[in-house]
Amino acid sequence: MKLWFKEWKDSRLMRDVVVADESDDTRTHKVFNAVKEAAYRLDIGTPIWLDVTIDSFKRHSKARFTQDAFIEPIEFDYLEMEVLEED
């Protein structure tokens, strides 16, 4: 599984990172682990999964984490996560 994480500010892509997980873990665990890995690589706090984020990800394989999903202030408008490739 490959997930693409993008930081957006003022409708501009600021930074991005692709996280790949080739383990035999479940899809849910792969996604959660990828979120933690992307947060580490981008040096930001790990976002919290809100109901709206979960619903969006289930429907579109894409989700946005806004300020509401972070405990500390963020320097971007939102973090977008998108599935690039599934096993």
PDB file of N, CA and C in Angstrom:
ATOM      1  N   MET A   1       0.843  -1.177   0.000  1.00  0.00           N
ATOM      2  CA  MET A   1       0.000   0.000   0.000  1.00  0.00           C
ATOM      3  C   MET A   1       0.887   1.238   0.000  1.00  0.00           C
ATOM      4  N   LYS A   2       0.522   2.211  -0.817  1.00  0.00           N
ATOM      5  CA  LYS A   2       1.225   3.494  -0.851  1.00  0.00           C
ATOM      6  C   LYS A   2       0.232   4.610  -0.582  1.00  0.00           C
ATOM      7  N   LEU A   3       0.606   5.505   0.324  1.00  0.00           N
ATOM      8  CA  LEU A   3      -0.222   6.653   0.656  1.00  0.00           C
ATOM      9  C   LEU A   3       0.580   7.927   0.433  1.00  0.00           C
ATOM     10  N   TRP A   4      -0.089   8.926  -0.127  1.00  0.00           N
ATOM     11  CA  TRP A   4       0.541  10.206  -0.428  1.00  0.00           C
ATOM     12  C   TRP A   4      -0.012  11.244   0.532  1.00  0.00           C
ATOM     13  N   PHE A   5       0.870  11.909   1.250  1.00  0.00           N
ATOM     14  CA  PHE A   5       0.497  12.947   2.207  1.00  0.00           C
ATOM     15  C   PHE A   5       0.983  14.286   1.675  1.00  0.00           C
ATOM     16  N   LYS A   6       0.083  15.283   1.687  1.00  0.00           N
ATOM     17  CA  LYS A   6       0.409  16.596   1.139  1.00  0.00           C
ATOM     18  C   LYS A   6      -0.008  17.686   2.116  1.00  0.00           C
ATOM     19  N   GLU A   7       0.891  18.601   2.383  1.00  0.00           N
ATOM     20  CA  GLU A   7       0.574  19.788   3.181  1.00  0.00           C
ATOM     21  C   GLU A   7       0.163  20.906   2.230  1.00  0.00           C
ATOM     22  N   TRP A   8      -1.023  21.489   2.478  1.00  0.00           N
ATOM     23  CA  TRP A   8      -1.544  22.570   1.648  1.00  0.00           C
ATOM     24  C   TRP A   8      -1.673  23.847   2.455  1.00  0.00           C
ATOM     25  N   LYS A   9      -1.274  24.958   1.851  1.00  0.00           N
ATOM     26  CA  LYS A   9      -1.457  26.274   2.455  1.00  0.00           C
ATOM     27  C   LYS A   9      -1.782  27.253   1.337  1.00  0.00           C
ATOM     28  N   ASP A  10      -2.864  28.009   1.510  1.00  0.00           N
ATOM     29  CA  ASP A  10      -3.301  28.996   0.515  1.00  0.00           C
ATOM     30  C   ASP A  10      -3.419  28.376  -0.879  1.00  0.00           C
ATOM     31  N   SER A  11      -4.002  27.198  -0.954  1.00  0.00           N
ATOM     32  CA  SER A  11      -4.221  26.453  -2.208  1.00  0.00           C
ATOM     33  C   SER A  11      -2.928  26.073  -2.922  1.00  0.00           C
ATOM     34  N   ARG A  12      -1.843  26.013  -2.179  1.00  0.00           N
ATOM     35  CA  ARG A  12      -0.553  25.619  -2.754  1.00  0.00           C
ATOM     36  C   ARG A  12       0.003  24.419  -2.011  1.00  0.00           C
ATOM     37  N   LEU A  13       0.573  23.499  -2.768  1.00  0.00           N
ATOM     38  CA  LEU A  13       1.233  22.349  -2.184  1.00  0.00           C
ATOM     39  C   LEU A  13       2.561  22.807  -1.591  1.00  0.00           C
ATOM     40  N   MET A  14       2.719  22.631  -0.290  1.00  0.00           N
ATOM     41  CA  MET A  14       3.930  23.093   0.385  1.00  0.00           C
ATOM     42  C   MET A  14       4.980  21.972   0.476  1.00  0.00           C
ATOM     43  N   ARG A  15       4.565  20.821   0.965  1.00  0.00           N
ATOM     44  CA  ARG A  15       5.457  19.666   1.095  1.00  0.00           C
ATOM     45  C   ARG A  15       4.628  18.399   0.892  1.00  0.00           C
ATOM     46  N   ASP A  16       5.308  17.334   0.497  1.00  0.00           N
ATOM     47  CA  ASP A  16       4.607  16.059   0.384  1.00  0.00           C
ATOM     48  C   ASP A  16       5.566  14.910   0.679  1.00  0.00           C
ATOM     49  N   VAL A  17       4.967  13.777   0.977  1.00  0.00           N
ATOM     50  CA  VAL A  17       5.743  12.571   1.254  1.00  0.00           C
ATOM     51  C   VAL A  17       4.875  11.368   0.895  1.00  0.00           C
ATOM     52  N   VAL A  18       5.510  10.334   0.344  1.00  0.00           N
ATOM     53  CA  VAL A  18       4.825   9.082   0.041  1.00  0.00           C
ATOM     54  C   VAL A  18       5.319   8.038   1.035  1.00  0.00           C
ATOM     55  N   VAL A  19       4.374   7.342   1.646  1.00  0.00           N
ATOM     56  CA  VAL A  19       4.709   6.291   2.608  1.00  0.00           C
ATOM     57  C   VAL A  19       4.221   4.970   2.034  1.00  0.00           C
ATOM     58  N   ALA A  20       5.121   4.009   1.944  1.00  0.00           N
ATOM     59  CA  ALA A  20       4.778   2.676   1.442  1.00  0.00           C
ATOM     60  C   ALA A  20       4.831   1.673   2.587  1.00  0.00           C
ATOM     61  N   ASP A  21       3.883   0.756   2.594  1.00  0.00           N
ATOM     62  CA  ASP A  21       3.836  -0.297   3.603  1.00  0.00           C
ATOM     63  C   ASP A  21       3.580  -1.619   2.897  1.00  0.00           C
ATOM     64  N   GLU A  22       4.580  -2.464   2.865  1.00  0.00           N
ATOM     65  CA  GLU A  22       4.480  -3.761   2.187  1.00  0.00           C
ATOM     66  C   GLU A  22       4.259  -4.902   3.171  1.00  0.00           C
ATOM     67  N   SER A  23       3.918  -4.580   4.408  1.00  0.00           N
ATOM     68  CA  SER A  23       3.728  -5.611   5.434  1.00  0.00           C
ATOM     69  C   SER A  23       2.439  -6.396   5.181  1.00  0.00           C
ATOM     70  N   ASP A  24       2.256  -7.451   5.963  1.00  0.00           N
ATOM     71  CA  ASP A  24       1.049  -8.272   5.873  1.00  0.00           C
ATOM     72  C   ASP A  24      -0.020  -7.807   6.861  1.00  0.00           C
ATOM     73  N   ASP A  25       0.135  -6.615   7.379  1.00  0.00           N
ATOM     74  CA  ASP A  25      -0.795  -6.049   8.349  1.00  0.00           C
ATOM     75  C   ASP A  25      -2.150  -5.771   7.682  1.00  0.00           C
ATOM     76  N   THR A  26      -3.165  -5.494   8.477  1.00  0.00           N
ATOM     77  CA  THR A  26      -4.479  -5.152   7.937  1.00  0.00           C
ATOM     78  C   THR A  26      -4.431  -3.768   7.290  1.00  0.00           C
ATOM     79  N   ARG A  27      -5.414  -3.477   6.452  1.00  0.00           N
ATOM     80  CA  ARG A  27      -5.470  -2.172   5.776  1.00  0.00           C
ATOM     81  C   ARG A  27      -5.533  -1.043   6.801  1.00  0.00           C
ATOM     82  N   THR A  28      -6.341  -1.215   7.825  1.00  0.00           N
ATOM     83  CA  THR A  28      -6.481  -0.191   8.857  1.00  0.00           C
ATOM     84  C   THR A  28      -5.158   0.078   9.559  1.00  0.00           C
ATOM     85  N   HIS A  29      -4.455  -0.973   9.925  1.00  0.00           N
ATOM     86  CA  HIS A  29      -3.163  -0.797  10.591  1.00  0.00           C
ATOM     87  C   HIS A  29      -2.144  -0.133   9.658  1.00  0.00           C
ATOM     88  N   LYS A  30      -2.177  -0.506   8.390  1.00  0.00           N
ATOM     89  CA  LYS A  30      -1.266   0.117   7.423  1.00  0.00           C
ATOM     90  C   LYS A  30      -1.524   1.621   7.327  1.00  0.00           C
ATOM     91  N   VAL A  31      -2.800   2.005   7.285  1.00  0.00           N
ATOM     92  CA  VAL A  31      -3.154   3.421   7.189  1.00  0.00           C
ATOM     93  C   VAL A  31      -2.710   4.166   8.444  1.00  0.00           C
ATOM     94  N   PHE A  32      -3.033   3.629   9.616  1.00  0.00           N
ATOM     95  CA  PHE A  32      -2.643   4.284  10.872  1.00  0.00           C
ATOM     96  C   PHE A  32      -1.131   4.413  10.988  1.00  0.00           C
ATOM     97  N   ASN A  33      -0.411   3.358  10.622  1.00  0.00           N
ATOM     98  CA  ASN A  33       1.054   3.407  10.670  1.00  0.00           C
ATOM     99  C   ASN A  33       1.609   4.421   9.673  1.00  0.00           C
ATOM    100  N   ALA A  34       0.991   4.530   8.511  1.00  0.00           N
ATOM    101  CA  ALA A  34       1.438   5.489   7.501  1.00  0.00           C
ATOM    102  C   ALA A  34       1.222   6.925   7.980  1.00  0.00           C
ATOM    103  N   VAL A  35       0.111   7.176   8.664  1.00  0.00           N
ATOM    104  CA  VAL A  35      -0.147   8.515   9.201  1.00  0.00           C
ATOM    105  C   VAL A  35       0.938   8.883  10.210  1.00  0.00           C
ATOM    106  N   LYS A  36       1.278   7.951  11.081  1.00  0.00           N
ATOM    107  CA  LYS A  36       2.341   8.207  12.070  1.00  0.00           C
ATOM    108  C   LYS A  36       3.683   8.451  11.387  1.00  0.00           C
ATOM    109  N   GLU A  37       3.994   7.644  10.370  1.00  0.00           N
ATOM    110  CA  GLU A  37       5.259   7.786   9.645  1.00  0.00           C
ATOM    111  C   GLU A  37       5.323   9.123   8.900  1.00  0.00           C
ATOM    112  N   ALA A  38       4.238   9.506   8.254  1.00  0.00           N
ATOM    113  CA  ALA A  38       4.210  10.779   7.532  1.00  0.00           C
ATOM    114  C   ALA A  38       4.365  11.949   8.496  1.00  0.00           C
ATOM    115  N   ALA A  39       3.695  11.892   9.635  1.00  0.00           N
ATOM    116  CA  ALA A  39       3.819  12.959  10.634  1.00  0.00           C
ATOM    117  C   ALA A  39       5.263  13.061  11.114  1.00  0.00           C
ATOM    118  N   TYR A  40       5.908  11.929  11.309  1.00  0.00           N
ATOM    119  CA  TYR A  40       7.310  11.928  11.727  1.00  0.00           C
ATOM    120  C   TYR A  40       8.193  12.555  10.652  1.00  0.00           C
ATOM    121  N   ARG A  41       8.010  12.121   9.395  1.00  0.00           N
ATOM    122  CA  ARG A  41       8.843  12.639   8.296  1.00  0.00           C
ATOM    123  C   ARG A  41       8.618  14.130   8.048  1.00  0.00           C
ATOM    124  N   LEU A  42       7.382  14.594   8.217  1.00  0.00           N
ATOM    125  CA  LEU A  42       7.074  16.009   7.999  1.00  0.00           C
ATOM    126  C   LEU A  42       7.316  16.844   9.255  1.00  0.00           C
ATOM    127  N   ASP A  43       7.666  16.180  10.343  1.00  0.00           N
ATOM    128  CA  ASP A  43       7.944  16.835  11.627  1.00  0.00           C
ATOM    129  C   ASP A  43       6.742  17.645  12.112  1.00  0.00           C
ATOM    130  N   ILE A  44       5.598  16.979  12.121  1.00  0.00           N
ATOM    131  CA  ILE A  44       4.358  17.566  12.634  1.00  0.00           C
ATOM    132  C   ILE A  44       3.755  16.589  13.642  1.00  0.00           C
ATOM    133  N   GLY A  45       2.786  17.051  14.398  1.00  0.00           N
ATOM    134  CA  GLY A  45       2.089  16.165  15.324  1.00  0.00           C
ATOM    135  C   GLY A  45       1.233  15.166  14.570  1.00  0.00           C
ATOM    136  N   THR A  46       0.985  14.031  15.183  1.00  0.00           N
ATOM    137  CA  THR A  46       0.126  13.025  14.570  1.00  0.00           C
ATOM    138  C   THR A  46      -1.331  13.468  14.690  1.00  0.00           C
ATOM    139  N   PRO A  47      -2.053  13.543  13.577  1.00  0.00           N
ATOM    140  CA  PRO A  47      -3.446  13.999  13.635  1.00  0.00           C
ATOM    141  C   PRO A  47      -4.368  12.948  14.252  1.00  0.00           C
ATOM    142  N   ILE A  48      -5.479  13.426  14.759  1.00  0.00           N
ATOM    143  CA  ILE A  48      -6.514  12.584  15.348  1.00  0.00           C
ATOM    144  C   ILE A  48      -7.548  12.286  14.262  1.00  0.00           C
ATOM    145  N   TRP A  49      -8.055  11.069  14.249  1.00  0.00           N
ATOM    146  CA  TRP A  49      -9.083  10.682  13.276  1.00  0.00           C
ATOM    147  C   TRP A  49     -10.455  11.120  13.778  1.00  0.00           C
ATOM    148  N   LEU A  50     -11.012  12.146  13.165  1.00  0.00           N
ATOM    149  CA  LEU A  50     -12.359  12.602  13.483  1.00  0.00           C
ATOM    150  C   LEU A  50     -13.369  11.828  12.625  1.00  0.00           C
ATOM    151  N   ASP A  51     -14.635  11.831  13.023  1.00  0.00           N
ATOM    152  CA  ASP A  51     -15.663  11.095  12.275  1.00  0.00           C
ATOM    153  C   ASP A  51     -15.736  11.531  10.817  1.00  0.00           C
ATOM    154  N   VAL A  52     -15.636  12.824  10.576  1.00  0.00           N
ATOM    155  CA  VAL A  52     -15.705  13.336   9.203  1.00  0.00           C
ATOM    156  C   VAL A  52     -14.519  12.837   8.372  1.00  0.00           C
ATOM    157  N   THR A  53     -13.363  12.720   8.990  1.00  0.00           N
ATOM    158  CA  THR A  53     -12.169  12.218   8.304  1.00  0.00           C
ATOM    159  C   THR A  53     -12.338  10.752   7.950  1.00  0.00           C
ATOM    160  N   ILE A  54     -12.850   9.981   8.880  1.00  0.00           N
ATOM    161  CA  ILE A  54     -13.065   8.549   8.657  1.00  0.00           C
ATOM    162  C   ILE A  54     -14.075   8.339   7.529  1.00  0.00           C
ATOM    163  N   ASP A  55     -15.178   9.068   7.554  1.00  0.00           N
ATOM    164  CA  ASP A  55     -16.194   8.950   6.509  1.00  0.00           C
ATOM    165  C   ASP A  55     -15.632   9.285   5.129  1.00  0.00           C
ATOM    166  N   SER A  56     -14.872  10.356   5.057  1.00  0.00           N
ATOM    167  CA  SER A  56     -14.275  10.764   3.786  1.00  0.00           C
ATOM    168  C   SER A  56     -13.310   9.697   3.269  1.00  0.00           C
ATOM    169  N   PHE A  57     -12.514   9.148   4.161  1.00  0.00           N
ATOM    170  CA  PHE A  57     -11.537   8.139   3.747  1.00  0.00           C
ATOM    171  C   PHE A  57     -12.242   6.860   3.277  1.00  0.00           C
ATOM    172  N   LYS A  58     -13.295   6.460   3.950  1.00  0.00           N
ATOM    173  CA  LYS A  58     -14.038   5.261   3.550  1.00  0.00           C
ATOM    174  C   LYS A  58     -14.670   5.437   2.167  1.00  0.00           C
ATOM    175  N   ARG A  59     -15.178   6.625   1.882  1.00  0.00           N
ATOM    176  CA  ARG A  59     -15.868   6.868   0.619  1.00  0.00           C
ATOM    177  C   ARG A  59     -14.937   7.108  -0.561  1.00  0.00           C
ATOM    178  N   HIS A  60     -13.844   7.851  -0.332  1.00  0.00           N
ATOM    179  CA  HIS A  60     -13.028   8.326  -1.448  1.00  0.00           C
ATOM    180  C   HIS A  60     -11.570   7.871  -1.413  1.00  0.00           C
ATOM    181  N   SER A  61     -11.177   7.110  -0.380  1.00  0.00           N
ATOM    182  CA  SER A  61      -9.778   6.742  -0.181  1.00  0.00           C
ATOM    183  C   SER A  61      -8.892   7.989  -0.126  1.00  0.00           C
ATOM    184  N   LYS A  62      -9.465   9.047   0.418  1.00  0.00           N
ATOM    185  CA  LYS A  62      -8.792  10.336   0.543  1.00  0.00           C
ATOM    186  C   LYS A  62      -9.339  11.021   1.794  1.00  0.00           C
ATOM    187  N   ALA A  63      -8.494  11.727   2.509  1.00  0.00           N
ATOM    188  CA  ALA A  63      -8.955  12.410   3.723  1.00  0.00           C
ATOM    189  C   ALA A  63      -8.151  13.682   3.932  1.00  0.00           C
ATOM    190  N   ARG A  64      -8.771  14.640   4.630  1.00  0.00           N
ATOM    191  CA  ARG A  64      -8.107  15.895   5.000  1.00  0.00           C
ATOM    192  C   ARG A  64      -8.102  16.025   6.509  1.00  0.00           C
ATOM    193  N   PHE A  65      -6.934  16.351   7.023  1.00  0.00           N
ATOM    194  CA  PHE A  65      -6.786  16.625   8.444  1.00  0.00           C
ATOM    195  C   PHE A  65      -6.589  18.127   8.597  1.00  0.00           C
ATOM    196  N   THR A  66      -7.589  18.816   9.135  1.00  0.00           N
ATOM    197  CA  THR A  66      -7.508  20.261   9.358  1.00  0.00           C
ATOM    198  C   THR A  66      -7.008  20.528  10.774  1.00  0.00           C
ATOM    199  N   GLN A  67      -6.956  21.788  11.162  1.00  0.00           N
ATOM    200  CA  GLN A  67      -6.484  22.162  12.497  1.00  0.00           C
ATOM    201  C   GLN A  67      -7.232  21.407  13.590  1.00  0.00           C
ATOM    202  N   ASP A  68      -8.507  21.116  13.389  1.00  0.00           N
ATOM    203  CA  ASP A  68      -9.304  20.398  14.383  1.00  0.00           C
ATOM    204  C   ASP A  68      -8.733  19.022  14.724  1.00  0.00           C
ATOM    205  N   ALA A  69      -7.973  18.430  13.803  1.00  0.00           N
ATOM    206  CA  ALA A  69      -7.425  17.091  14.012  1.00  0.00           C
ATOM    207  C   ALA A  69      -6.061  17.107  14.699  1.00  0.00           C
ATOM    208  N   PHE A  70      -5.534  18.292  14.959  1.00  0.00           N
ATOM    209  CA  PHE A  70      -4.212  18.420  15.586  1.00  0.00           C
ATOM    210  C   PHE A  70      -4.348  19.077  16.953  1.00  0.00           C
ATOM    211  N   ILE A  71      -3.548  18.637  17.888  1.00  0.00           N
ATOM    212  CA  ILE A  71      -3.566  19.218  19.234  1.00  0.00           C
ATOM    213  C   ILE A  71      -2.849  20.568  19.235  1.00  0.00           C
ATOM    214  N   GLU A  72      -1.682  20.610  18.605  1.00  0.00           N
ATOM    215  CA  GLU A  72      -0.914  21.854  18.559  1.00  0.00           C
ATOM    216  C   GLU A  72      -1.235  22.620  17.271  1.00  0.00           C
ATOM    217  N   PRO A  73      -0.943  23.907  17.245  1.00  0.00           N
ATOM    218  CA  PRO A  73      -1.196  24.695  16.028  1.00  0.00           C
ATOM    219  C   PRO A  73      -0.357  24.185  14.846  1.00  0.00           C
ATOM    220  N   ILE A  74      -0.933  24.257  13.654  1.00  0.00           N
ATOM    221  CA  ILE A  74      -0.217  23.846  12.445  1.00  0.00           C
ATOM    222  C   ILE A  74       0.067  25.075  11.590  1.00  0.00           C
ATOM    223  N   GLU A  75       1.108  24.995  10.768  1.00  0.00           N
ATOM    224  CA  GLU A  75       1.515  26.118   9.929  1.00  0.00           C
ATOM    225  C   GLU A  75       1.012  25.971   8.498  1.00  0.00           C
ATOM    226  N   PHE A  76       0.052  25.112   8.286  1.00  0.00           N
ATOM    227  CA  PHE A  76      -0.534  24.885   6.968  1.00  0.00           C
ATOM    228  C   PHE A  76      -2.043  24.810   7.137  1.00  0.00           C
ATOM    229  N   ASP A  77      -2.779  24.818   6.034  1.00  0.00           N
ATOM    230  CA  ASP A  77      -4.243  24.796   6.114  1.00  0.00           C
ATOM    231  C   ASP A  77      -4.781  23.403   6.419  1.00  0.00           C
ATOM    232  N   TYR A  78      -4.228  22.397   5.744  1.00  0.00           N
ATOM    233  CA  TYR A  78      -4.643  21.023   6.010  1.00  0.00           C
ATOM    234  C   TYR A  78      -3.614  20.042   5.460  1.00  0.00           C
ATOM    235  N   LEU A  79      -3.661  18.832   6.002  1.00  0.00           N
ATOM    236  CA  LEU A  79      -2.850  17.718   5.532  1.00  0.00           C
ATOM    237  C   LEU A  79      -3.793  16.779   4.802  1.00  0.00           C
ATOM    238  N   GLU A  80      -3.485  16.519   3.552  1.00  0.00           N
ATOM    239  CA  GLU A  80      -4.325  15.630   2.751  1.00  0.00           C
ATOM    240  C   GLU A  80      -3.639  14.283   2.601  1.00  0.00           C
ATOM    241  N   MET A  81      -4.421  13.231   2.728  1.00  0.00           N
ATOM    242  CA  MET A  81      -3.915  11.873   2.578  1.00  0.00           C
ATOM    243  C   MET A  81      -4.691  11.190   1.463  1.00  0.00           C
ATOM    244  N   GLU A  82      -3.978  10.538   0.559  1.00  0.00           N
ATOM    245  CA  GLU A  82      -4.620   9.882  -0.582  1.00  0.00           C
ATOM    246  C   GLU A  82      -3.963   8.536  -0.827  1.00  0.00           C
ATOM    247  N   VAL A  83      -4.767   7.514  -1.089  1.00  0.00           N
ATOM    248  CA  VAL A  83      -4.244   6.199  -1.421  1.00  0.00           C
ATOM    249  C   VAL A  83      -3.767   6.225  -2.877  1.00  0.00           C
ATOM    250  N   LEU A  84      -2.502   5.881  -3.072  1.00  0.00           N
ATOM    251  CA  LEU A  84      -1.965   5.803  -4.430  1.00  0.00           C
ATOM    252  C   LEU A  84      -2.050   4.386  -4.986  1.00  0.00           C
ATOM    253  N   GLU A  85      -1.809   3.419  -4.099  1.00  0.00           N
ATOM    254  CA  GLU A  85      -1.762   2.026  -4.542  1.00  0.00           C
ATOM    255  C   GLU A  85      -2.169   1.117  -3.387  1.00  0.00           C
ATOM    256  N   GLU A  86      -3.039   0.172  -3.685  1.00  0.00           N
ATOM    257  CA  GLU A  86      -3.450  -0.810  -2.675  1.00  0.00           C
ATOM    258  C   GLU A  86      -2.946  -2.179  -3.052  1.00  0.00           C
ATOM    259  N   ASP A  87      -2.742  -2.987  -2.027  1.00  0.00           N
ATOM    260  CA  ASP A  87      -2.280  -4.368  -2.265  1.00  0.00           C
ATOM    261  C   ASP A  87      -3.393  -5.236  -2.806  1.00  0.00           C
TER     262      ASP A  87
END
